[in-house]
Amino acid sequence: MIRSKIAGMGFYVPANVVSNDELSKRVNTTDEWIKERTGISERRFFVPEEDTNFGMGVKAATIALDKAGLTPQDIDLIVYATLSPDYYFPGSGVLLQRAMPFRNIAAIDLRAQCSGFIYGLSVADQFIRSGMYKNILLVGAEIHSTGLDFSDAGRHVAVIFGDGAGAAVLSAIDTDAEKPEGILSTHLHSNGEFAEQLAIIYPASAKLDKFDSKNMEAGGGYFPVMNGSFVFKHAVTYMPEVVMEALNANGYTPADIDCLVPHQANARITAVVREKMGIAEEKVISNIHKYGNTTAASIPIAMCEALEQGKIKKGDLVCLTSFGSGFTWASALIRWV
């Protein structure tokens, strides 16, 4: 039975560390206020003239390929997840393809926001299961810091996000149908009814005034809007549900999980999800205090650190879960190889 495994992972975060105290010089907030509401102590902002979205992806991908023992020539497909691409078009996937010695392989760009990495994992997994491809590079990368509203109107969003990239190489394996290993299943959902509760509206293609300067002012349409309490309520409902969906599909219970890697949205969301699932704190990965919310990059960055710290080991049952703008939410269950 053909399945896919994560053969190697890597991540990159910019050298520019921005503490809560530093951020308070730009926006009306405090270290205490940020920590209490989000659990974040610091985040990384890109370094101008040094970091780009695809450039961070290249650095993360280089590490992932090395860990997998592969070269760009071995890769059959690139899947690139981001909500902050380098250009309006083309997507960042082809920029990464150009920057490294890949063959003329396809590059698929995904717009699933905070669920981007798991959505991308599912896409890559299906291509491998079908037998079409053997090795796929999956990248999640974000530069949020240039698009945040540091006025009082946007401070509750501006303090949350950071920049960074994570990458994974997925490879085909032949596994026992009775005791499968690798990616066991992925589960994807969306509900567009609440799309505007967490969104950036401009530039909108159907608006004749999409470049109107008023939209660039503080509180304008070029900046993210978020109904925080509304998003929180849905996140702590759907993330446990989609974890249970993955467990039920494979005949497991929460007690069987060795490592839960949630999207790093907010430390309070992670805590509520963990409590609802009845999973011990030491089995849940949380690094939001160091990097903030890096959207499509948050899960692979967290997985990389978990691997480095020995929190994910061969044979472990690993569950990934996310919730974000769209609304989108997802899970993946992996028997680590």
Protein backbone atom coordinates (compact mmCIF):
# COMPACT_ATOMS: atom_id res chain seq x y z
CA MET A 1 0.00 0.00 0.00
CA ILE A 2 1.50 3.32 -1.11
CA ARG A 3 1.49 6.06 1.51
CA SER A 4 3.57 9.19 2.03
CA LYS A 5 5.94 10.02 4.84
CA ILE A 6 7.58 13.26 5.91
CA ALA A 7 11.18 12.49 4.97
CA GLY A 8 12.72 15.79 6.08
CA MET A 9 11.78 19.17 7.54
CA GLY A 10 13.40 22.58 7.89
CA PHE A 11 12.52 26.09 8.97
CA TYR A 12 13.83 29.62 8.78
CA VAL A 13 12.95 32.72 10.78
CA PRO A 14 14.43 36.18 10.17
CA ALA A 15 17.22 37.44 12.41
CA ASN A 16 15.16 40.50 13.42
CA VAL A 17 13.69 39.66 16.86
CA VAL A 18 10.91 42.07 17.90
CA SER A 19 10.00 41.89 21.59
CA ASN A 20 6.71 43.09 23.04
CA ASP A 21 8.53 46.04 24.60
CA GLU A 22 9.95 47.02 21.20
CA LEU A 23 6.54 46.66 19.60
CA SER A 24 5.01 48.92 22.26
CA LYS A 25 7.12 51.76 20.82
CA ARG A 26 5.20 51.44 17.54
CA VAL A 27 1.72 50.66 18.82
CA ASN A 28 -0.29 51.54 21.91
CA THR A 29 0.16 48.31 23.88
CA THR A 30 2.21 46.69 26.65
CA ASP A 31 4.13 43.48 27.20
CA GLU A 32 1.63 42.45 29.88
CA TRP A 33 -1.39 43.09 27.63
CA ILE A 34 0.05 41.03 24.77
CA LYS A 35 1.14 38.10 26.94
CA GLU A 36 -2.19 37.93 28.74
CA ARG A 37 -4.23 37.81 25.53
CA THR A 38 -1.98 35.83 23.20
CA GLY A 39 0.93 34.24 25.10
CA ILE A 40 3.40 35.94 22.74
CA SER A 41 6.66 37.41 24.08
CA GLU A 42 8.40 38.12 20.78
CA ARG A 43 8.17 37.53 17.06
CA ARG A 44 10.41 37.82 13.99
CA PHE A 45 10.06 40.54 11.35
CA PHE A 46 11.80 40.21 7.99
CA VAL A 47 15.03 42.06 7.32
CA PRO A 48 14.64 44.45 4.34
CA GLU A 49 17.03 43.78 1.43
CA GLU A 50 17.73 40.35 2.92
CA ASP A 51 14.47 38.41 3.35
CA THR A 52 11.68 37.71 0.87
CA ASN A 53 8.79 35.30 1.14
CA PHE A 54 10.21 32.86 -1.42
CA GLY A 55 13.73 33.49 -0.14
CA MET A 56 12.73 32.31 3.32
CA GLY A 57 11.08 29.33 1.63
CA VAL A 58 14.36 28.53 -0.12
CA LYS A 59 16.25 28.50 3.18
CA ALA A 60 13.67 26.25 4.85
CA ALA A 61 13.49 23.97 1.80
CA THR A 62 17.28 23.61 1.62
CA ILE A 63 17.32 22.25 5.17
CA ALA A 64 14.35 19.94 4.55
CA LEU A 65 15.95 18.50 1.42
CA ASP A 66 19.22 17.91 3.26
CA LYS A 67 17.38 16.12 6.10
CA ALA A 68 15.58 13.96 3.53
CA GLY A 69 18.84 13.13 1.76
CA LEU A 70 17.48 14.49 -1.53
CA THR A 71 18.32 17.26 -3.99
CA PRO A 72 16.00 19.62 -5.90
CA GLN A 73 16.43 17.32 -8.92
CA ASP A 74 14.64 14.54 -6.99
CA ILE A 75 11.50 16.65 -6.41
CA ASP A 76 8.48 16.05 -8.64
CA LEU A 77 6.18 18.84 -7.42
CA ILE A 78 6.26 22.03 -5.32
CA VAL A 79 3.25 22.95 -3.14
CA TYR A 80 3.54 26.46 -1.73
CA ALA A 81 1.17 27.77 0.95
CA THR A 82 1.06 31.50 1.76
CA LEU A 83 -1.36 34.39 2.18
CA SER A 84 1.44 36.95 1.71
CA PRO A 85 3.00 36.13 -1.69
CA ASP A 86 5.91 38.08 -3.11
CA TYR A 87 3.81 39.31 -6.05
CA TYR A 88 0.11 39.78 -6.75
CA PHE A 89 0.90 37.22 -9.45
CA PRO A 90 2.63 34.91 -10.26
CA GLY A 91 2.66 32.84 -7.10
CA SER A 92 5.72 32.38 -4.92
CA GLY A 93 5.98 28.70 -5.89
CA VAL A 94 7.52 29.48 -9.27
CA LEU A 95 9.91 31.98 -7.67
CA LEU A 96 11.18 29.22 -5.39
CA GLN A 97 11.39 26.87 -8.39
CA ARG A 98 13.53 29.45 -10.19
CA ALA A 99 15.78 30.06 -7.18
CA MET A 100 16.84 26.42 -6.76
CA PRO A 101 18.05 23.85 -9.31
CA PHE A 102 14.71 22.09 -9.77
CA ARG A 103 13.57 20.53 -13.02
CA ASN A 104 10.66 22.23 -14.82
CA ILE A 105 8.20 20.73 -12.36
CA ALA A 106 4.78 22.11 -11.45
CA ALA A 107 4.40 24.60 -8.60
CA ILE A 108 0.98 24.81 -6.94
CA ASP A 109 0.18 27.83 -4.78
CA LEU A 110 -2.42 27.44 -2.02
CA ARG A 111 -4.47 30.13 -0.30
CA ALA A 112 -5.84 28.43 2.82
CA GLN A 113 -4.29 30.86 5.32
CA CYS A 114 -3.65 29.30 8.75
CA SER A 115 -4.73 25.90 7.41
CA GLY A 116 -2.38 26.23 4.43
CA PHE A 117 0.22 23.72 5.58
CA ILE A 118 -2.29 20.94 6.32
CA TYR A 119 -4.19 21.68 3.09
CA GLY A 120 -0.86 21.45 1.26
CA LEU A 121 0.01 18.24 3.10
CA SER A 122 -3.27 16.74 1.92
CA VAL A 123 -2.68 17.79 -1.70
CA ALA A 124 0.84 16.34 -1.68
CA ASP A 125 -0.34 13.15 0.02
CA GLN A 126 -3.03 12.54 -2.62
CA PHE A 127 -0.53 12.93 -5.48
CA ILE A 128 1.77 10.40 -3.82
CA ARG A 129 -1.01 7.93 -2.99
CA SER A 130 -2.16 8.03 -6.61
CA GLY A 131 1.32 7.02 -7.73
CA MET A 132 1.75 10.15 -9.85
CA TYR A 133 4.69 11.57 -7.84
CA LYS A 134 7.29 10.13 -5.46
CA ASN A 135 8.84 13.21 -3.83
CA ILE A 136 7.06 16.51 -3.15
CA LEU A 137 8.30 19.69 -1.52
CA LEU A 138 5.76 21.49 0.67
CA VAL A 139 6.50 25.04 1.85
CA GLY A 140 4.59 27.39 4.15
CA ALA A 141 5.98 30.94 4.30
CA GLU A 142 4.73 34.34 5.41
CA ILE A 143 5.79 37.98 5.65
CA HIS A 144 3.07 39.61 7.72
CA SER A 145 4.99 42.54 9.17
CA THR A 146 4.64 44.82 6.12
CA GLY A 147 0.85 44.49 6.12
CA LEU A 148 -0.05 45.18 9.75
CA ASP A 149 -1.98 48.18 11.04
CA PHE A 150 0.00 49.63 13.95
CA SER A 151 -2.68 52.19 14.81
CA ASP A 152 -5.02 51.81 17.78
CA ALA A 153 -7.63 50.45 15.36
CA GLY A 154 -5.41 47.55 14.39
CA ARG A 155 -3.28 46.90 17.47
CA HIS A 156 -5.17 43.76 18.56
CA VAL A 157 -4.13 42.15 15.23
CA ALA A 158 -0.70 43.76 14.81
CA VAL A 159 0.68 42.23 18.01
CA ILE A 160 -0.13 38.65 16.95
CA PHE A 161 1.68 38.02 13.69
CA GLY A 162 5.28 37.25 12.77
CA ASP A 163 7.32 36.26 9.73
CA GLY A 164 8.96 32.93 8.91
CA ALA A 165 8.95 29.80 6.76
CA GLY A 166 8.78 26.04 7.20
CA ALA A 167 9.19 23.21 4.71
CA ALA A 168 8.63 19.47 4.47
CA VAL A 169 9.66 16.84 1.92
CA LEU A 170 7.05 14.12 1.42
CA SER A 171 8.19 10.81 -0.06
CA ALA A 172 6.38 7.65 -1.12
CA ILE A 173 6.66 4.55 1.07
CA ASP A 174 5.26 1.03 0.77
CA THR A 175 3.53 0.27 4.06
CA ASP A 176 1.54 -2.56 5.63
CA ALA A 177 -2.18 -2.18 4.96
CA GLU A 178 -2.99 -3.63 8.39
CA LYS A 179 -0.59 -1.33 10.28
CA PRO A 180 -0.03 1.65 8.00
CA GLU A 181 2.69 4.21 8.64
CA GLY A 182 3.26 7.73 7.38
CA ILE A 183 0.33 10.06 6.73
CA LEU A 184 -2.74 8.08 7.74
CA SER A 185 -5.40 10.61 6.74
CA THR A 186 -6.13 14.32 6.27
CA HIS A 187 -9.42 16.12 6.91
CA LEU A 188 -10.23 19.53 5.40
CA HIS A 189 -13.18 21.88 5.98
CA SER A 190 -14.33 25.42 5.24
CA ASN A 191 -17.24 27.75 5.93
CA GLY A 192 -17.23 30.94 3.87
CA GLU A 193 -20.24 32.37 5.74
CA PHE A 194 -17.83 34.10 8.11
CA ALA A 195 -15.11 35.05 5.62
CA GLU A 196 -15.12 38.75 6.52
CA GLN A 197 -14.66 38.07 10.25
CA LEU A 198 -10.93 37.57 9.57
CA ALA A 199 -9.81 39.08 6.30
CA ILE A 200 -7.96 41.69 4.25
CA ILE A 201 -10.52 43.07 1.78
CA TYR A 202 -8.38 45.25 -0.49
CA PRO A 203 -7.05 45.25 -3.15
CA ALA A 204 -10.25 43.64 -4.46
CA SER A 205 -10.44 42.85 -8.18
CA ALA A 206 -14.12 43.78 -8.40
CA LYS A 207 -13.57 47.28 -6.94
CA LEU A 208 -12.82 50.15 -9.31
CA ASP A 209 -11.27 52.05 -6.36
CA LYS A 210 -9.09 49.16 -5.21
CA PHE A 211 -6.01 51.40 -5.07
CA ASP A 212 -7.78 54.36 -3.39
CA SER A 213 -5.37 55.94 -0.89
CA LYS A 214 -8.00 56.03 1.86
CA ASN A 215 -7.79 52.26 2.07
CA MET A 216 -4.12 52.59 2.98
CA GLU A 217 -4.83 54.81 5.98
CA ALA A 218 -4.96 53.44 9.54
CA GLY A 219 -8.01 51.24 9.87
CA GLY A 220 -8.34 51.04 6.07
CA GLY A 221 -9.16 48.08 3.86
CA TYR A 222 -5.56 47.14 3.11
CA PHE A 223 -5.10 46.02 6.71
CA PRO A 224 -6.37 42.82 8.34
CA VAL A 225 -9.61 42.90 10.31
CA MET A 226 -10.44 40.29 12.94
CA ASN A 227 -13.41 39.70 15.20
CA GLY A 228 -11.21 38.17 17.90
CA SER A 229 -13.83 36.69 20.23
CA PHE A 230 -15.82 35.29 17.30
CA VAL A 231 -12.73 33.63 15.80
CA PHE A 232 -11.72 32.26 19.21
CA LYS A 233 -15.14 30.66 19.75
CA HIS A 234 -15.06 28.88 16.42
CA ALA A 235 -11.42 27.82 16.72
CA VAL A 236 -11.89 26.06 20.06
CA THR A 237 -14.96 24.31 18.66
CA TYR A 238 -13.70 23.14 15.28
CA MET A 239 -10.10 22.22 16.15
CA PRO A 240 -11.05 19.50 18.68
CA GLU A 241 -13.82 18.29 16.34
CA VAL A 242 -11.47 17.85 13.40
CA VAL A 243 -8.91 16.08 15.60
CA MET A 244 -11.62 13.64 16.67
CA GLU A 245 -12.59 13.18 13.02
CA ALA A 246 -9.02 12.07 12.26
CA LEU A 247 -8.84 9.79 15.29
CA ASN A 248 -12.21 8.18 14.58
CA ALA A 249 -11.28 7.60 10.94
CA ASN A 250 -8.27 5.57 12.02
CA GLY A 251 -9.60 3.81 15.13
CA TYR A 252 -7.76 5.88 17.75
CA THR A 253 -8.67 7.96 20.80
CA PRO A 254 -7.09 11.15 22.23
CA ALA A 255 -5.16 8.95 24.67
CA ASP A 256 -3.29 7.41 21.73
CA ILE A 257 -1.82 10.73 20.58
CA ASP A 258 1.89 11.05 21.35
CA CYS A 259 2.24 14.59 19.99
CA LEU A 260 -0.37 17.21 19.07
CA VAL A 261 0.87 20.08 16.90
CA PRO A 262 -1.77 22.81 16.65
CA HIS A 263 -1.53 25.90 14.49
CA GLN A 264 0.11 28.55 16.66
CA ALA A 265 -2.72 31.09 16.66
CA ASN A 266 -3.02 32.00 20.31
CA ALA A 267 -1.76 30.32 23.49
CA ARG A 268 -5.25 30.46 25.00
CA ILE A 269 -6.73 28.63 21.99
CA THR A 270 -4.09 25.91 22.31
CA ALA A 271 -4.81 25.57 26.04
CA VAL A 272 -8.58 25.23 25.52
CA VAL A 273 -8.15 22.68 22.71
CA ARG A 274 -5.77 20.64 24.88
CA GLU A 275 -8.18 20.71 27.84
CA LYS A 276 -11.16 19.74 25.68
CA MET A 277 -9.20 16.81 24.25
CA GLY A 278 -7.88 15.73 27.65
CA ILE A 279 -4.31 15.61 26.33
CA ALA A 280 -1.37 16.11 28.71
CA GLU A 281 0.38 19.46 28.36
CA GLU A 282 3.75 17.86 27.63
CA LYS A 283 2.28 16.20 24.51
CA VAL A 284 1.15 19.51 22.98
CA ILE A 285 3.62 21.67 21.06
CA SER A 286 3.50 25.41 21.71
CA ASN A 287 6.14 27.89 20.56
CA ILE A 288 3.94 30.93 19.88
CA HIS A 289 5.77 32.82 22.63
CA LYS A 290 8.87 32.95 20.39
CA TYR A 291 7.46 33.49 16.91
CA GLY A 292 3.87 34.71 17.15
CA ASN A 293 1.37 33.54 14.54
CA THR A 294 3.21 32.74 11.31
CA THR A 295 0.07 31.40 9.60
CA ALA A 296 1.02 28.76 6.97
CA ALA A 297 4.52 28.49 8.48
CA SER A 298 3.45 27.94 12.09
CA ILE A 299 2.85 24.17 12.03
CA PRO A 300 6.07 23.22 10.16
CA ILE A 301 8.14 25.54 12.40
CA ALA A 302 6.59 23.94 15.48
CA MET A 303 7.17 20.44 14.07
CA CYS A 304 10.81 21.21 13.35
CA GLU A 305 11.40 22.32 16.91
CA ALA A 306 9.52 19.30 18.26
CA LEU A 307 11.76 17.01 16.21
CA GLU A 308 14.89 18.81 17.40
CA GLN A 309 13.75 18.45 21.02
CA GLY A 310 12.92 14.73 20.67
CA LYS A 311 9.19 15.30 21.14
CA ILE A 312 8.41 13.54 17.86
CA LYS A 313 10.03 10.12 17.47
CA LYS A 314 9.77 7.13 15.15
CA GLY A 315 6.56 5.23 15.81
CA ASP A 316 4.79 8.19 17.44
CA LEU A 317 1.19 9.03 16.58
CA VAL A 318 1.33 12.71 15.62
CA CYS A 319 -1.76 14.86 15.02
CA LEU A 320 -1.79 18.28 13.33
CA THR A 321 -4.72 20.67 13.56
CA SER A 322 -5.49 24.19 12.37
CA PHE A 323 -8.14 26.87 12.15
CA GLY A 324 -8.01 30.17 10.32
CA SER A 325 -9.40 32.72 7.93
CA GLY A 326 -11.96 31.46 5.49
CA PHE A 327 -13.05 30.01 7.85
CA THR A 328 -10.89 26.96 7.16
CA TRP A 329 -9.95 24.15 9.52
CA ALA A 330 -8.13 20.87 9.09
CA SER A 331 -6.32 17.95 10.70
CA ALA A 332 -3.80 15.30 9.73
CA LEU A 333 -2.91 12.09 11.53
CA ILE A 334 0.59 10.68 11.03
CA ARG A 335 2.32 7.53 12.23
CA TRP A 336 5.84 8.90 12.26
CA VAL A 337 8.36 6.93 10.22
